[in-house]
Amino acid sequence: MKKLLLILTIIAGTTFSASAQIAQGSILVDTYYGFTNLPGALYNTNWEFEAAFWGTNGITKSGLGPIGVRAEYMTTDKLGVGIDFALNLNSASFDGEYTDYDSNGDPITTSFIAEGSSTKWGAMVTLNYHVVTNDVIDFYLMGGVGYKNRTSTLTTTHGYYTDEEFNNQAIGLTPETAIPLAARLGLGLRVFFTDNIGANVGLGFGQGGILNAGL
């Protein structure tokens, strides 16, 4: 997974426009990968706690994102409006044990598996104010607001619990969206290598991670 994230970080994030000189009427499209994955970190922590409760450290976790794409149309030389879409994927599983009893009342250790996944996505309308733009650099302030949604699943082979019952006693393993609001406030920078290709970096709070970047 670390190799996958490194590859995505290297290849993600091509910036296109009609000209490196950004002006009214320019259209820009960025792809990016964000750090850190805060929803994924919390999700993994909850699964690690539940795995420890069932007497095992044999937990498997994976995550992707936030990975996203944003597009912007320059309404003036300084002001741009656009959209921003981001996606987070996380999954986890562990092998647990519980004690059962045979007909003589003797204890029997029984193994089971718990597996889960979580998908979070958000779409925002953005407003960008471009402070410095020239043939090489585009530095801007940005804000965005929109809709987000998160869905989760959990299945288990536990002999005494259905999937729903296991989920109800395992708090935090299937997080849902409490407030369906996506938002971001931050700074952005594009550095052009050619008229159509450059690097993009974003720093802020909200959708897309604290830091996001691409080439």
C-alpha atoms as a PDB file:
ATOM      1  CA  MET A   1       0.000   0.000   0.000  1.00  0.00           C
ATOM      2  CA  LYS A   2       2.858   2.411   0.752  1.00  0.00           C
ATOM      3  CA  LYS A   3       4.255   1.770  -2.739  1.00  0.00           C
ATOM      4  CA  LEU A   4       0.817   2.387  -4.234  1.00  0.00           C
ATOM      5  CA  LEU A   5       0.478   5.687  -2.370  1.00  0.00           C
ATOM      6  CA  LEU A   6       3.938   6.750  -3.547  1.00  0.00           C
ATOM      7  CA  ILE A   7       3.100   5.941  -7.166  1.00  0.00           C
ATOM      8  CA  LEU A   8      -0.215   7.800  -6.948  1.00  0.00           C
ATOM      9  CA  THR A   9       1.506  10.796  -5.400  1.00  0.00           C
ATOM     10  CA  ILE A  10       4.038  10.897  -8.241  1.00  0.00           C
ATOM     11  CA  ILE A  11       1.617  10.479 -11.127  1.00  0.00           C
ATOM     12  CA  ALA A  12      -1.442  12.267  -9.739  1.00  0.00           C
ATOM     13  CA  GLY A  13      -1.964  15.930 -10.430  1.00  0.00           C
ATOM     14  CA  THR A  14      -1.673  17.146 -13.999  1.00  0.00           C
ATOM     15  CA  THR A  15      -2.748  20.769 -14.502  1.00  0.00           C
ATOM     16  CA  PHE A  16      -4.133  21.861 -17.882  1.00  0.00           C
ATOM     17  CA  SER A  17      -5.069  25.298 -19.212  1.00  0.00           C
ATOM     18  CA  ALA A  18      -5.235  27.082 -22.535  1.00  0.00           C
ATOM     19  CA  SER A  19      -2.101  28.998 -21.531  1.00  0.00           C
ATOM     20  CA  ALA A  20       0.269  29.164 -18.599  1.00  0.00           C
ATOM     21  CA  GLN A  21      -0.717  32.820 -18.409  1.00  0.00           C
ATOM     22  CA  ILE A  22      -3.958  32.429 -16.443  1.00  0.00           C
ATOM     23  CA  ALA A  23      -6.601  34.992 -17.398  1.00  0.00           C
ATOM     24  CA  GLN A  24     -10.347  35.397 -17.771  1.00  0.00           C
ATOM     25  CA  GLY A  25     -11.758  32.416 -19.654  1.00  0.00           C
ATOM     26  CA  SER A  26      -8.986  29.997 -18.659  1.00  0.00           C
ATOM     27  CA  ILE A  27     -10.047  26.483 -17.632  1.00  0.00           C
ATOM     28  CA  LEU A  28      -7.858  24.518 -15.203  1.00  0.00           C
ATOM     29  CA  VAL A  29      -8.149  20.894 -14.102  1.00  0.00           C
ATOM     30  CA  ASP A  30      -6.097  19.414 -11.240  1.00  0.00           C
ATOM     31  CA  THR A  31      -5.864  15.900  -9.875  1.00  0.00           C
ATOM     32  CA  TYR A  32      -4.402  15.438  -6.404  1.00  0.00           C
ATOM     33  CA  TYR A  33      -3.626  13.110  -3.518  1.00  0.00           C
ATOM     34  CA  GLY A  34      -4.120  14.348   0.050  1.00  0.00           C
ATOM     35  CA  PHE A  35      -2.416  13.860   3.407  1.00  0.00           C
ATOM     36  CA  THR A  36      -3.357  13.040   6.064  1.00  0.00           C
ATOM     37  CA  ASN A  37      -6.232  10.586   5.857  1.00  0.00           C
ATOM     38  CA  LEU A  38      -7.893  11.581   9.152  1.00  0.00           C
ATOM     39  CA  PRO A  39     -11.146   9.618   8.578  1.00  0.00           C
ATOM     40  CA  GLY A  40      -9.059   6.559   7.737  1.00  0.00           C
ATOM     41  CA  ALA A  41      -6.883   6.946  10.832  1.00  0.00           C
ATOM     42  CA  LEU A  42      -9.939   7.064  13.101  1.00  0.00           C
ATOM     43  CA  TYR A  43     -11.498   4.101  11.301  1.00  0.00           C
ATOM     44  CA  ASN A  44      -8.333   2.028  11.763  1.00  0.00           C
ATOM     45  CA  THR A  45      -8.082   2.964  15.454  1.00  0.00           C
ATOM     46  CA  ASN A  46     -11.613   1.723  16.097  1.00  0.00           C
ATOM     47  CA  TRP A  47     -10.917  -1.575  14.370  1.00  0.00           C
ATOM     48  CA  GLU A  48      -7.640  -2.037  16.263  1.00  0.00           C
ATOM     49  CA  PHE A  49      -9.489  -1.511  19.558  1.00  0.00           C
ATOM     50  CA  GLU A  50     -12.171  -4.051  18.616  1.00  0.00           C
ATOM     51  CA  ALA A  51      -9.548  -6.587  17.477  1.00  0.00           C
ATOM     52  CA  ALA A  52      -7.755  -6.264  20.823  1.00  0.00           C
ATOM     53  CA  PHE A  53     -11.069  -6.781  22.641  1.00  0.00           C
ATOM     54  CA  TRP A  54     -11.481 -10.141  20.897  1.00  0.00           C
ATOM     55  CA  GLY A  55      -7.975 -11.224  21.837  1.00  0.00           C
ATOM     56  CA  THR A  56      -6.103 -10.808  18.577  1.00  0.00           C
ATOM     57  CA  ASN A  57      -3.593  -8.481  17.000  1.00  0.00           C
ATOM     58  CA  GLY A  58      -3.993 -10.124  13.603  1.00  0.00           C
ATOM     59  CA  ILE A  59      -5.671  -7.167  11.912  1.00  0.00           C
ATOM     60  CA  THR A  60      -5.433  -6.221   8.240  1.00  0.00           C
ATOM     61  CA  LYS A  61      -6.037  -2.609   7.166  1.00  0.00           C
ATOM     62  CA  SER A  62      -5.943  -0.733   3.885  1.00  0.00           C
ATOM     63  CA  GLY A  63      -6.826   2.775   2.761  1.00  0.00           C
ATOM     64  CA  LEU A  64      -6.824   5.062  -0.251  1.00  0.00           C
ATOM     65  CA  GLY A  65      -7.234   8.810  -0.300  1.00  0.00           C
ATOM     66  CA  PRO A  66      -8.210  11.424  -0.122  1.00  0.00           C
ATOM     67  CA  ILE A  67      -7.770  11.341  -3.880  1.00  0.00           C
ATOM     68  CA  GLY A  68      -9.534  13.967  -5.899  1.00  0.00           C
ATOM     69  CA  VAL A  69     -10.061  16.097  -8.979  1.00  0.00           C
ATOM     70  CA  ARG A  70     -10.980  19.764  -9.206  1.00  0.00           C
ATOM     71  CA  ALA A  71     -11.875  22.024 -12.119  1.00  0.00           C
ATOM     72  CA  GLU A  72     -11.927  25.811 -12.250  1.00  0.00           C
ATOM     73  CA  TYR A  73     -13.178  28.449 -14.696  1.00  0.00           C
ATOM     74  CA  MET A  74     -11.701  31.935 -14.494  1.00  0.00           C
ATOM     75  CA  THR A  75     -14.623  34.408 -14.494  1.00  0.00           C
ATOM     76  CA  THR A  76     -12.153  37.318 -14.299  1.00  0.00           C
ATOM     77  CA  ASP A  77      -8.355  37.575 -14.268  1.00  0.00           C
ATOM     78  CA  LYS A  78      -8.451  37.184 -10.473  1.00  0.00           C
ATOM     79  CA  LEU A  79     -11.595  35.219  -9.617  1.00  0.00           C
ATOM     80  CA  GLY A  80     -12.348  31.592 -10.462  1.00  0.00           C
ATOM     81  CA  VAL A  81     -15.293  29.307  -9.696  1.00  0.00           C
ATOM     82  CA  GLY A  82     -15.163  25.546  -9.815  1.00  0.00           C
ATOM     83  CA  ILE A  83     -15.946  22.129  -8.410  1.00  0.00           C
ATOM     84  CA  ASP A  84     -13.916  19.756  -6.234  1.00  0.00           C
ATOM     85  CA  PHE A  85     -14.559  16.026  -5.833  1.00  0.00           C
ATOM     86  CA  ALA A  86     -12.666  13.808  -3.343  1.00  0.00           C
ATOM     87  CA  LEU A  87     -12.851  10.137  -2.372  1.00  0.00           C
ATOM     88  CA  ASN A  88     -11.650   8.109   0.652  1.00  0.00           C
ATOM     89  CA  LEU A  89     -11.703   4.303   0.777  1.00  0.00           C
ATOM     90  CA  ASN A  90     -10.856   2.238   3.877  1.00  0.00           C
ATOM     91  CA  SER A  91     -11.194  -1.418   4.828  1.00  0.00           C
ATOM     92  CA  ALA A  92     -10.189  -3.648   7.751  1.00  0.00           C
ATOM     93  CA  SER A  93     -10.580  -7.228   8.958  1.00  0.00           C
ATOM     94  CA  PHE A  94      -9.440  -9.383  11.864  1.00  0.00           C
ATOM     95  CA  ASP A  95      -9.610 -12.945  13.171  1.00  0.00           C
ATOM     96  CA  GLY A  96     -11.132 -13.208  16.638  1.00  0.00           C
ATOM     97  CA  GLU A  97     -11.978 -15.926  19.145  1.00  0.00           C
ATOM     98  CA  TYR A  98     -14.780 -16.629  21.594  1.00  0.00           C
ATOM     99  CA  THR A  99     -15.487 -19.437  24.060  1.00  0.00           C
ATOM    100  CA  ASP A 100     -18.216 -21.969  23.352  1.00  0.00           C
ATOM    101  CA  TYR A 101     -19.172 -25.081  25.341  1.00  0.00           C
ATOM    102  CA  ASP A 102     -19.854 -28.656  24.318  1.00  0.00           C
ATOM    103  CA  SER A 103     -22.665 -30.893  25.653  1.00  0.00           C
ATOM    104  CA  ASN A 104     -20.539 -31.782  28.696  1.00  0.00           C
ATOM    105  CA  GLY A 105     -19.982 -28.122  29.562  1.00  0.00           C
ATOM    106  CA  ASP A 106     -16.344 -28.179  28.528  1.00  0.00           C
ATOM    107  CA  PRO A 107     -15.056 -24.930  26.966  1.00  0.00           C
ATOM    108  CA  ILE A 108     -14.280 -24.828  23.250  1.00  0.00           C
ATOM    109  CA  THR A 109     -12.398 -21.978  21.603  1.00  0.00           C
ATOM    110  CA  THR A 110     -14.069 -20.942  18.370  1.00  0.00           C
ATOM    111  CA  SER A 111     -12.560 -18.625  15.757  1.00  0.00           C
ATOM    112  CA  PHE A 112     -14.421 -16.089  13.656  1.00  0.00           C
ATOM    113  CA  ILE A 113     -13.741 -13.350  11.119  1.00  0.00           C
ATOM    114  CA  ALA A 114     -14.949  -9.742  11.064  1.00  0.00           C
ATOM    115  CA  GLU A 115     -14.606  -7.662   7.888  1.00  0.00           C
ATOM    116  CA  GLY A 116     -15.608  -4.101   7.091  1.00  0.00           C
ATOM    117  CA  SER A 117     -15.249  -1.286   4.573  1.00  0.00           C
ATOM    118  CA  SER A 118     -15.978   2.428   4.461  1.00  0.00           C
ATOM    119  CA  THR A 119     -16.445   4.764   1.487  1.00  0.00           C
ATOM    120  CA  LYS A 120     -16.474   8.545   1.934  1.00  0.00           C
ATOM    121  CA  TRP A 121     -16.920  11.072  -0.870  1.00  0.00           C
ATOM    122  CA  GLY A 122     -17.566  14.770  -1.096  1.00  0.00           C
ATOM    123  CA  ALA A 123     -18.381  17.298  -3.819  1.00  0.00           C
ATOM    124  CA  MET A 124     -17.972  21.056  -3.370  1.00  0.00           C
ATOM    125  CA  VAL A 125     -18.474  24.296  -5.236  1.00  0.00           C
ATOM    126  CA  THR A 126     -15.318  26.386  -4.854  1.00  0.00           C
ATOM    127  CA  LEU A 127     -14.416  30.063  -5.122  1.00  0.00           C
ATOM    128  CA  ASN A 128     -10.768  30.991  -5.699  1.00  0.00           C
ATOM    129  CA  TYR A 129      -9.107  34.410  -5.546  1.00  0.00           C
ATOM    130  CA  HIS A 130      -5.814  34.461  -7.456  1.00  0.00           C
ATOM    131  CA  VAL A 131      -3.341  36.686  -5.647  1.00  0.00           C
ATOM    132  CA  VAL A 132      -0.311  36.176  -7.910  1.00  0.00           C
ATOM    133  CA  THR A 133      -0.458  34.850 -11.483  1.00  0.00           C
ATOM    134  CA  ASN A 134       2.206  34.903 -14.179  1.00  0.00           C
ATOM    135  CA  ASP A 135       3.726  32.572 -16.784  1.00  0.00           C
ATOM    136  CA  VAL A 136       5.142  30.273 -14.074  1.00  0.00           C
ATOM    137  CA  ILE A 137       3.252  30.707 -10.779  1.00  0.00           C
ATOM    138  CA  ASP A 138      -0.402  30.791  -9.784  1.00  0.00           C
ATOM    139  CA  PHE A 139      -0.964  31.451  -6.055  1.00  0.00           C
ATOM    140  CA  TYR A 140      -4.549  31.642  -4.819  1.00  0.00           C
ATOM    141  CA  LEU A 141      -6.848  31.633  -1.806  1.00  0.00           C
ATOM    142  CA  MET A 142      -9.715  29.170  -1.902  1.00  0.00           C
ATOM    143  CA  GLY A 143     -12.929  28.306  -0.122  1.00  0.00           C
ATOM    144  CA  GLY A 144     -15.494  25.653  -0.858  1.00  0.00           C
ATOM    145  CA  VAL A 145     -18.711  24.178   0.456  1.00  0.00           C
ATOM    146  CA  GLY A 146     -20.845  21.244  -0.658  1.00  0.00           C
ATOM    147  CA  TYR A 147     -22.130  17.769   0.175  1.00  0.00           C
ATOM    148  CA  LYS A 148     -20.402  14.705   1.627  1.00  0.00           C
ATOM    149  CA  ASN A 149     -21.551  11.165   2.298  1.00  0.00           C
ATOM    150  CA  ARG A 150     -20.071   8.121   4.021  1.00  0.00           C
ATOM    151  CA  THR A 151     -21.334   4.546   3.957  1.00  0.00           C
ATOM    152  CA  SER A 152     -19.903   1.525   5.760  1.00  0.00           C
ATOM    153  CA  THR A 153     -20.389  -2.235   5.849  1.00  0.00           C
ATOM    154  CA  LEU A 154     -19.550  -4.972   8.360  1.00  0.00           C
ATOM    155  CA  THR A 155     -19.846  -8.770   8.129  1.00  0.00           C
ATOM    156  CA  THR A 156     -18.863 -11.460  10.635  1.00  0.00           C
ATOM    157  CA  THR A 157     -18.853 -15.235  10.994  1.00  0.00           C
ATOM    158  CA  HIS A 158     -19.345 -14.992  14.778  1.00  0.00           C
ATOM    159  CA  GLY A 159     -21.613 -17.821  15.894  1.00  0.00           C
ATOM    160  CA  TYR A 160     -23.654 -15.794  18.394  1.00  0.00           C
ATOM    161  CA  TYR A 161     -24.046 -12.506  16.510  1.00  0.00           C
ATOM    162  CA  THR A 162     -25.670 -11.542  13.258  1.00  0.00           C
ATOM    163  CA  ASP A 163     -23.875  -8.853  11.257  1.00  0.00           C
ATOM    164  CA  GLU A 164     -26.245  -6.213  12.638  1.00  0.00           C
ATOM    165  CA  GLU A 165     -25.886  -7.401  16.257  1.00  0.00           C
ATOM    166  CA  PHE A 166     -22.090  -7.472  16.021  1.00  0.00           C
ATOM    167  CA  ASN A 167     -22.137  -3.991  14.537  1.00  0.00           C
ATOM    168  CA  ASN A 168     -24.371  -2.666  17.324  1.00  0.00           C
ATOM    169  CA  GLN A 169     -22.011  -3.828  20.067  1.00  0.00           C
ATOM    170  CA  ALA A 170     -18.869  -2.726  18.180  1.00  0.00           C
ATOM    171  CA  ILE A 171     -19.084   1.071  18.308  1.00  0.00           C
ATOM    172  CA  GLY A 172     -17.262   2.944  15.553  1.00  0.00           C
ATOM    173  CA  LEU A 173     -16.713   0.090  13.099  1.00  0.00           C
ATOM    174  CA  THR A 174     -19.305   1.387  10.621  1.00  0.00           C
ATOM    175  CA  PRO A 175     -19.121   5.196  10.753  1.00  0.00           C
ATOM    176  CA  GLU A 176     -21.795   7.159   8.913  1.00  0.00           C
ATOM    177  CA  THR A 177     -22.070  10.834   7.961  1.00  0.00           C
ATOM    178  CA  ALA A 178     -23.329  12.859  10.927  1.00  0.00           C
ATOM    179  CA  ILE A 179     -23.429  16.216   9.125  1.00  0.00           C
ATOM    180  CA  PRO A 180     -23.466  15.911   5.299  1.00  0.00           C
ATOM    181  CA  LEU A 181     -21.417  19.060   4.791  1.00  0.00           C
ATOM    182  CA  ALA A 182     -18.171  19.149   2.807  1.00  0.00           C
ATOM    183  CA  ALA A 183     -16.062  22.285   3.181  1.00  0.00           C
ATOM    184  CA  ARG A 184     -12.518  23.567   2.745  1.00  0.00           C
ATOM    185  CA  LEU A 185     -10.603  26.765   3.419  1.00  0.00           C
ATOM    186  CA  GLY A 186      -7.006  27.057   2.321  1.00  0.00           C
ATOM    187  CA  LEU A 187      -4.230  28.144  -0.021  1.00  0.00           C
ATOM    188  CA  GLY A 188      -3.242  26.777  -3.408  1.00  0.00           C
ATOM    189  CA  LEU A 189      -0.170  27.012  -5.625  1.00  0.00           C
ATOM    190  CA  ARG A 190       0.452  25.926  -9.205  1.00  0.00           C
ATOM    191  CA  VAL A 191       3.937  25.990 -10.722  1.00  0.00           C
ATOM    192  CA  PHE A 192       3.964  25.505 -14.507  1.00  0.00           C
ATOM    193  CA  PHE A 193       6.676  23.536 -16.307  1.00  0.00           C
ATOM    194  CA  THR A 194       5.145  24.098 -19.755  1.00  0.00           C
ATOM    195  CA  ASP A 195       2.091  25.980 -21.066  1.00  0.00           C
ATOM    196  CA  ASN A 196      -0.129  23.037 -20.098  1.00  0.00           C
ATOM    197  CA  ILE A 197       1.608  20.997 -17.388  1.00  0.00           C
ATOM    198  CA  GLY A 198       2.661  21.871 -13.860  1.00  0.00           C
ATOM    199  CA  ALA A 199       2.720  20.937 -10.192  1.00  0.00           C
ATOM    200  CA  ASN A 200      -0.099  21.762  -7.788  1.00  0.00           C
ATOM    201  CA  VAL A 201       0.029  22.017  -3.998  1.00  0.00           C
ATOM    202  CA  GLY A 202      -2.758  22.828  -1.547  1.00  0.00           C
ATOM    203  CA  LEU A 203      -2.655  23.580   2.177  1.00  0.00           C
ATOM    204  CA  GLY A 204      -5.766  23.989   4.322  1.00  0.00           C
ATOM    205  CA  PHE A 205      -8.500  22.442   6.423  1.00  0.00           C
ATOM    206  CA  GLY A 206     -11.391  20.295   5.288  1.00  0.00           C
ATOM    207  CA  GLN A 207     -11.967  18.080   2.286  1.00  0.00           C
ATOM    208  CA  GLY A 208      -8.814  16.943   0.526  1.00  0.00           C
ATOM    209  CA  GLY A 209      -6.539  16.605   3.567  1.00  0.00           C
ATOM    210  CA  ILE A 210      -4.371  19.142   5.325  1.00  0.00           C
ATOM    211  CA  LEU A 211      -1.890  18.915   2.424  1.00  0.00           C
ATOM    212  CA  ASN A 212      -2.592  17.762  -1.105  1.00  0.00           C
ATOM    213  CA  ALA A 213      -0.300  17.728  -4.099  1.00  0.00           C
ATOM    214  CA  GLY A 214       0.364  16.324  -7.538  1.00  0.00           C
ATOM    215  CA  LEU A 215       2.495  16.665 -10.653  1.00  0.00           C
END
